[in-house]
Amino acid sequence: MPGFGMSTSLRINRNSQKGSAIGPSGLMFHHFHGGRHLSDGQGSLSGGDLEKILLSIGLKNILNPQTWFERMHSGQLKSSDRCLTFDDGLLSQYDVALPILNKFSLKAFWFIYSAPFEGERCFFEIIRKFRNKHFANFQNYFEVFLEEAKISLKSLAQDIQYNRFFKTYKSKFSFYKEEEIIYRFIRNHKLTKQQYLKICKNLLQKYKVNISELSMLIWMTNKHLQILATENHEVGLHSYDHPFHLGGLSKNQQLYQYKKNAQHLQSIGIRPRSAAHPCGSYSKETLNILNSLSINCGFKSDSATNNKRKFSHLVIPREDSACLKN
């Protein structure tokens, strides 16, 4: 199996600049390590890393959700205003990041996809733990993944959709390596949900992985969400099972994702009024659905803005923690 440099035809200009947030934006966080949570690769932050980021941004510039809502709907958000957002309902966020927030009396948005809270496994997080436990680096995992998926990189070189995806993704997320972007294209666009799940399960079986053990300590519980809401954090929507390309789903499929997500939170006493688009994927139909569910604040996953467009309350830019740390 060839390595990452084997196909120069797949290389796209790496000098693209990441989009920079112009005006008010969210700060986006995912994985943390410390205590019972081991580091699981690129993007994982320690509590100390988070504290440095918050201080570098300036605590006075970080708004709690209620103040963010008030300023947003009165048109008074300033270009320096930031808010904190945590995606995916990960337990490491509660254990490692929340104490740092408490130290500075900060509140945040927490965007939850509901499937794990209702007993369903979401394999993209399980696979993340698997590859960091069983492979020395992402390259080694990627080669095994390609072999299992039976996909030729050579064929992607002529794929117009791939080349467009690579250029766009690289411009938005400059910290990703080439192979990581290729992986996301294959996972998000070349494979169906069923094909991806089959590959995941086959790999876990080949490596004799105990899925239940690997799934431990990944997600919060409903009790954690209730505590966050009680302590004046904002718990919002992030779809039901985190589809990689939600914006490409039909209207009914998108409605199912967000309605089932909202029903879960409502069942534990939380009324969501905010959302984050999973993988930054949305369409005009998505925004109509969120409006119909009384969602009046939504975040995307990149910091790129269009100067010709006015501030949109359902497509607010965010800066990824990988950029903030660097």
Protein backbone atom coordinates (compact mmCIF):
# COMPACT_ATOMS: atom_id res chain seq x y z
CA MET A 1 0.00 0.00 0.00
CA PRO A 2 1.54 3.31 -1.07
CA GLY A 3 2.03 6.15 1.38
CA PHE A 4 0.57 9.66 1.31
CA GLY A 5 3.08 11.08 -1.12
CA MET A 6 2.42 8.39 -3.70
CA SER A 7 0.05 10.34 -5.88
CA THR A 8 1.20 13.85 -6.64
CA SER A 9 -1.83 14.26 -8.87
CA LEU A 10 -3.93 14.31 -5.71
CA ARG A 11 -2.03 17.22 -4.28
CA ILE A 12 -3.80 20.56 -4.30
CA ASN A 13 -2.13 23.88 -3.57
CA ARG A 14 -1.32 23.81 0.14
CA ASN A 15 -0.76 27.56 0.27
CA SER A 16 -4.47 28.31 0.54
CA GLN A 17 -5.23 30.52 3.49
CA LYS A 18 -7.87 29.50 6.00
CA GLY A 19 -10.92 31.72 6.23
CA SER A 20 -10.71 34.27 8.98
CA ALA A 21 -13.72 35.25 11.02
CA ILE A 22 -14.82 38.83 10.42
CA GLY A 23 -16.99 40.11 13.22
CA PRO A 24 -18.59 38.17 16.07
CA SER A 25 -17.99 34.42 16.06
CA GLY A 26 -17.95 31.29 18.13
CA LEU A 27 -14.92 29.39 19.37
CA MET A 28 -15.35 25.69 18.54
CA PHE A 29 -14.06 22.86 20.73
CA HIS A 30 -14.30 19.08 20.54
CA HIS A 31 -11.80 16.71 22.22
CA PHE A 32 -9.95 17.10 25.51
CA HIS A 33 -7.51 14.97 27.48
CA GLY A 34 -6.53 14.83 31.14
CA GLY A 35 -7.27 12.60 34.12
CA ARG A 36 -9.18 9.53 32.96
CA HIS A 37 -9.26 10.83 29.37
CA LEU A 38 -6.17 9.97 27.33
CA SER A 39 -5.01 12.11 24.43
CA ASP A 40 -6.64 10.83 21.26
CA GLY A 41 -4.74 12.60 18.54
CA GLN A 42 -4.82 15.87 16.64
CA GLY A 43 -7.09 18.52 18.03
CA SER A 44 -7.20 17.14 21.57
CA LEU A 45 -6.58 19.85 24.19
CA SER A 46 -5.57 19.76 27.83
CA GLY A 47 -7.20 21.96 30.43
CA GLY A 48 -4.06 24.09 30.35
CA ASP A 49 -4.37 24.49 26.58
CA LEU A 50 -7.95 25.71 26.98
CA GLU A 51 -6.98 28.17 29.69
CA LYS A 52 -4.26 29.66 27.48
CA ILE A 53 -6.72 30.03 24.59
CA LEU A 54 -9.29 31.79 26.76
CA LEU A 55 -6.73 34.21 28.15
CA SER A 56 -5.32 34.93 24.69
CA ILE A 57 -8.82 35.70 23.37
CA GLY A 58 -9.46 37.93 26.36
CA LEU A 59 -12.06 37.00 28.98
CA LYS A 60 -13.83 40.32 28.48
CA ASN A 61 -14.52 39.38 24.87
CA ILE A 62 -16.21 36.06 25.72
CA LEU A 63 -19.97 36.38 26.15
CA ASN A 64 -22.17 33.96 28.01
CA PRO A 65 -25.03 32.53 25.88
CA GLN A 66 -27.73 34.78 27.33
CA THR A 67 -25.73 37.94 26.61
CA TRP A 68 -24.93 36.59 23.13
CA PHE A 69 -28.64 36.08 22.43
CA GLU A 70 -29.54 39.55 23.71
CA ARG A 71 -26.87 41.34 21.67
CA MET A 72 -27.49 39.24 18.57
CA HIS A 73 -31.22 39.92 18.43
CA SER A 74 -30.80 43.60 19.21
CA GLY A 75 -28.09 43.97 16.55
CA GLN A 76 -25.48 44.95 19.13
CA LEU A 77 -22.86 42.19 18.73
CA LYS A 78 -19.41 43.71 18.37
CA SER A 79 -16.68 42.44 16.05
CA SER A 80 -14.63 41.42 19.09
CA ASP A 81 -17.46 39.40 20.68
CA ARG A 82 -16.88 35.66 21.02
CA CYS A 83 -18.79 32.78 22.58
CA LEU A 84 -17.69 29.28 23.55
CA THR A 85 -19.16 26.23 21.78
CA PHE A 86 -18.61 22.52 22.48
CA ASP A 87 -19.82 19.97 19.94
CA ASP A 88 -20.90 16.32 20.25
CA GLY A 89 -21.66 15.91 23.95
CA LEU A 90 -18.28 14.39 24.80
CA LEU A 91 -17.57 13.45 28.41
CA SER A 92 -14.01 14.81 28.20
CA GLN A 93 -15.52 18.27 27.69
CA TYR A 94 -17.44 17.98 30.94
CA ASP A 95 -14.54 16.50 32.90
CA VAL A 96 -11.66 18.61 31.54
CA ALA A 97 -13.05 21.80 29.99
CA LEU A 98 -15.93 22.61 32.34
CA PRO A 99 -13.69 23.09 35.42
CA ILE A 100 -11.68 25.68 33.46
CA LEU A 101 -14.88 27.47 32.49
CA ASN A 102 -15.98 27.43 36.12
CA LYS A 103 -12.63 28.89 37.16
CA PHE A 104 -13.36 31.97 35.05
CA SER A 105 -17.16 31.99 35.62
CA LEU A 106 -17.78 31.36 31.92
CA LYS A 107 -20.83 29.73 30.33
CA ALA A 108 -20.98 28.07 26.92
CA PHE A 109 -23.09 26.52 24.17
CA TRP A 110 -23.09 22.69 24.16
CA PHE A 111 -24.34 21.11 20.94
CA ILE A 112 -25.57 17.55 21.36
CA TYR A 113 -26.42 14.78 18.90
CA SER A 114 -28.84 12.47 20.65
CA ALA A 115 -28.24 8.92 19.41
CA PRO A 116 -25.63 7.97 22.08
CA PHE A 117 -27.95 9.26 24.82
CA GLU A 118 -30.64 6.88 23.58
CA GLY A 119 -28.41 3.81 23.51
CA GLU A 120 -27.23 3.95 19.89
CA ARG A 121 -23.54 3.72 18.97
CA CYS A 122 -22.03 6.38 16.71
CA PHE A 123 -19.02 4.74 15.16
CA PHE A 124 -17.05 7.76 14.02
CA GLU A 125 -16.13 8.53 17.65
CA ILE A 126 -15.48 4.87 18.41
CA ILE A 127 -13.24 4.62 15.34
CA ARG A 128 -11.33 7.71 16.48
CA LYS A 129 -10.45 5.93 19.74
CA PHE A 130 -9.71 2.72 17.85
CA ARG A 131 -7.23 4.28 15.43
CA ASN A 132 -5.38 6.14 18.17
CA LYS A 133 -5.11 2.98 20.26
CA HIS A 134 -4.12 0.53 17.52
CA PHE A 135 -2.13 2.63 15.01
CA ALA A 136 1.06 4.63 15.42
CA ASN A 137 -0.27 7.48 13.29
CA PHE A 138 -3.15 8.48 11.04
CA GLN A 139 -1.26 7.39 7.92
CA ASN A 140 -1.12 3.77 9.07
CA TYR A 141 -4.84 3.77 9.83
CA PHE A 142 -5.67 5.49 6.55
CA GLU A 143 -3.91 2.82 4.51
CA VAL A 144 -5.82 0.05 6.29
CA PHE A 145 -9.07 1.99 5.84
CA LEU A 146 -8.47 2.38 2.09
CA GLU A 147 -7.79 -1.31 1.73
CA GLU A 148 -10.97 -2.19 3.59
CA ALA A 149 -12.99 0.35 1.57
CA LYS A 150 -11.47 -0.91 -1.70
CA ILE A 151 -10.99 2.63 -2.95
CA SER A 152 -8.16 3.67 -5.25
CA LEU A 153 -6.60 7.07 -4.68
CA LYS A 154 -5.69 7.15 -8.35
CA SER A 155 -9.37 7.28 -9.26
CA LEU A 156 -9.90 10.33 -7.02
CA ALA A 157 -7.36 12.34 -9.00
CA GLN A 158 -9.87 12.67 -11.84
CA ASP A 159 -12.86 13.24 -9.58
CA ILE A 160 -14.15 16.79 -10.02
CA GLN A 161 -16.18 16.59 -6.81
CA TYR A 162 -13.08 15.52 -4.87
CA ASN A 163 -10.90 18.34 -6.22
CA ARG A 164 -13.59 20.89 -5.41
CA PHE A 165 -13.97 19.43 -1.92
CA PHE A 166 -10.22 19.47 -1.30
CA LYS A 167 -9.80 23.10 -2.29
CA THR A 168 -12.75 24.23 -0.20
CA TYR A 169 -11.82 22.15 2.84
CA LYS A 170 -8.19 23.21 2.77
CA SER A 171 -9.15 26.87 2.57
CA LYS A 172 -11.46 26.52 5.57
CA PHE A 173 -9.34 24.15 7.69
CA SER A 174 -5.69 24.72 6.86
CA PHE A 175 -4.48 22.59 9.79
CA TYR A 176 -5.68 19.33 8.23
CA LYS A 177 -3.12 17.22 6.38
CA GLU A 178 -3.81 16.04 2.84
CA GLU A 179 -4.60 12.47 3.84
CA GLU A 180 -7.03 13.64 6.53
CA ILE A 181 -9.00 15.64 3.97
CA ILE A 182 -9.03 12.72 1.54
CA TYR A 183 -10.34 10.51 4.34
CA ARG A 184 -13.16 12.94 5.10
CA PHE A 185 -14.13 13.15 1.44
CA ILE A 186 -14.34 9.37 1.14
CA ARG A 187 -16.21 9.01 4.43
CA ASN A 188 -18.59 11.92 3.86
CA HIS A 189 -19.25 11.70 0.11
CA LYS A 190 -18.03 8.48 -1.52
CA LEU A 191 -19.48 6.01 0.98
CA THR A 192 -23.07 5.57 2.05
CA LYS A 193 -23.82 5.46 5.76
CA GLN A 194 -24.26 1.70 5.52
CA GLN A 195 -20.96 1.22 3.68
CA TYR A 196 -19.07 3.27 6.25
CA LEU A 197 -20.62 1.36 9.16
CA LYS A 198 -19.73 -1.96 7.52
CA ILE A 199 -16.10 -0.87 7.14
CA CYS A 200 -15.98 0.26 10.77
CA LYS A 201 -17.41 -2.99 12.07
CA ASN A 202 -15.12 -5.08 9.87
CA LEU A 203 -12.03 -3.26 11.14
CA LEU A 204 -13.08 -3.56 14.76
CA GLN A 205 -13.73 -7.27 14.28
CA LYS A 206 -10.37 -7.86 12.54
CA TYR A 207 -8.54 -6.21 15.43
CA LYS A 208 -10.66 -8.12 17.98
CA VAL A 209 -11.86 -4.91 19.61
CA ASN A 210 -14.39 -4.98 22.43
CA ILE A 211 -16.71 -2.23 21.25
CA SER A 212 -18.39 -1.79 24.64
CA GLU A 213 -15.05 -1.21 26.35
CA LEU A 214 -13.88 1.15 23.62
CA SER A 215 -17.14 3.11 23.91
CA MET A 216 -16.65 3.84 27.59
CA LEU A 217 -16.01 7.46 28.61
CA ILE A 218 -16.85 8.89 25.18
CA TRP A 219 -20.18 10.63 25.78
CA MET A 220 -21.92 12.46 28.60
CA THR A 221 -25.20 11.25 30.07
CA ASN A 222 -28.58 12.99 30.29
CA LYS A 223 -27.72 13.90 33.88
CA HIS A 224 -24.69 15.86 32.68
CA LEU A 225 -26.86 17.75 30.18
CA GLN A 226 -29.40 18.60 32.87
CA ILE A 227 -26.67 19.93 35.15
CA LEU A 228 -25.30 22.12 32.35
CA ALA A 229 -28.75 23.54 31.65
CA THR A 230 -29.40 24.16 35.35
CA GLU A 231 -26.09 26.05 35.60
CA ASN A 232 -27.15 28.43 32.79
CA HIS A 233 -25.21 26.87 29.96
CA GLU A 234 -27.04 26.60 26.64
CA VAL A 235 -27.67 23.03 25.41
CA GLY A 236 -28.59 22.96 21.73
CA LEU A 237 -29.18 20.78 18.69
CA HIS A 238 -26.57 18.97 16.60
CA SER A 239 -28.83 16.45 14.75
CA TYR A 240 -29.85 12.99 15.94
CA ASP A 241 -26.94 10.77 14.79
CA HIS A 242 -24.55 13.31 13.24
CA PRO A 243 -24.76 12.60 9.48
CA PHE A 244 -21.59 13.73 7.70
CA HIS A 245 -23.48 15.48 4.89
CA LEU A 246 -26.74 16.59 6.45
CA GLY A 247 -27.26 19.31 3.86
CA GLY A 248 -27.47 16.64 1.16
CA LEU A 249 -30.33 14.77 2.83
CA SER A 250 -33.95 15.15 1.78
CA LYS A 251 -36.23 17.58 3.58
CA ASN A 252 -37.93 14.74 5.47
CA GLN A 253 -34.61 13.19 6.48
CA GLN A 254 -33.31 16.52 7.79
CA LEU A 255 -36.55 17.16 9.64
CA TYR A 256 -36.27 13.72 11.23
CA GLN A 257 -32.70 14.45 12.36
CA TYR A 258 -33.50 17.72 14.08
CA LYS A 259 -36.99 16.89 15.33
CA LYS A 260 -35.79 13.68 17.01
CA ASN A 261 -32.82 15.62 18.43
CA ALA A 262 -35.16 18.27 19.86
CA GLN A 263 -37.55 15.65 21.26
CA HIS A 264 -34.69 14.01 23.16
CA LEU A 265 -33.65 17.26 24.83
CA GLN A 266 -37.24 18.23 25.59
CA SER A 267 -37.80 14.82 27.20
CA ILE A 268 -35.17 15.67 29.84
CA GLY A 269 -36.49 19.17 30.46
CA ILE A 270 -34.31 21.18 28.06
CA ARG A 271 -35.88 23.49 25.47
CA PRO A 272 -33.30 24.00 22.69
CA ARG A 273 -33.11 27.36 20.97
CA SER A 274 -29.71 27.03 19.28
CA ALA A 275 -27.98 24.59 16.92
CA ALA A 276 -24.68 23.78 15.25
CA HIS A 277 -24.61 22.23 11.79
CA PRO A 278 -22.85 18.80 11.98
CA CYS A 279 -19.66 18.89 9.89
CA GLY A 280 -20.75 22.38 8.88
CA SER A 281 -23.24 20.86 6.44
CA TYR A 282 -26.54 22.60 5.81
CA SER A 283 -28.81 23.78 3.02
CA LYS A 284 -31.52 26.39 2.63
CA GLU A 285 -33.96 23.65 3.63
CA THR A 286 -31.96 23.07 6.84
CA LEU A 287 -32.35 26.69 7.86
CA ASN A 288 -36.09 26.58 7.15
CA ILE A 289 -36.40 23.49 9.36
CA LEU A 290 -34.46 25.12 12.20
CA ASN A 291 -36.69 28.19 11.97
CA SER A 292 -39.76 25.93 12.15
CA LEU A 293 -38.36 24.40 15.36
CA SER A 294 -37.92 27.89 16.92
CA ILE A 295 -34.15 27.70 16.68
CA ASN A 296 -32.94 31.29 16.49
CA CYS A 297 -29.16 30.91 16.74
CA GLY A 298 -27.06 28.57 14.59
CA PHE A 299 -23.34 28.01 14.06
CA LYS A 300 -21.35 26.57 11.17
CA SER A 301 -17.94 24.89 11.48
CA ASP A 302 -15.59 27.34 9.80
CA SER A 303 -14.65 30.98 10.10
CA ALA A 304 -15.04 32.00 6.46
CA THR A 305 -17.43 34.88 5.88
CA ASN A 306 -18.82 36.56 2.81
CA ASN A 307 -18.44 40.32 2.96
CA LYS A 308 -21.39 40.75 0.59
CA ARG A 309 -23.77 39.06 2.99
CA LYS A 310 -25.19 40.44 6.19
CA PHE A 311 -24.69 38.65 9.49
CA SER A 312 -26.90 35.54 9.51
CA HIS A 313 -28.16 34.36 12.89
CA LEU A 314 -28.36 30.72 11.70
CA VAL A 315 -24.96 30.57 9.97
CA ILE A 316 -22.61 32.17 12.48
CA PRO A 317 -18.90 31.52 11.81
CA ARG A 318 -16.69 29.69 14.30
CA GLU A 319 -12.95 29.47 14.83
CA ASP A 320 -11.64 25.95 15.33
CA SER A 321 -9.60 25.30 18.47
CA ALA A 322 -6.84 23.78 16.32
CA CYS A 323 -6.25 27.25 14.87
CA LEU A 324 -6.60 28.96 18.22
CA LYS A 325 -4.03 26.71 19.84
CA ASN A 326 -1.52 27.44 17.09
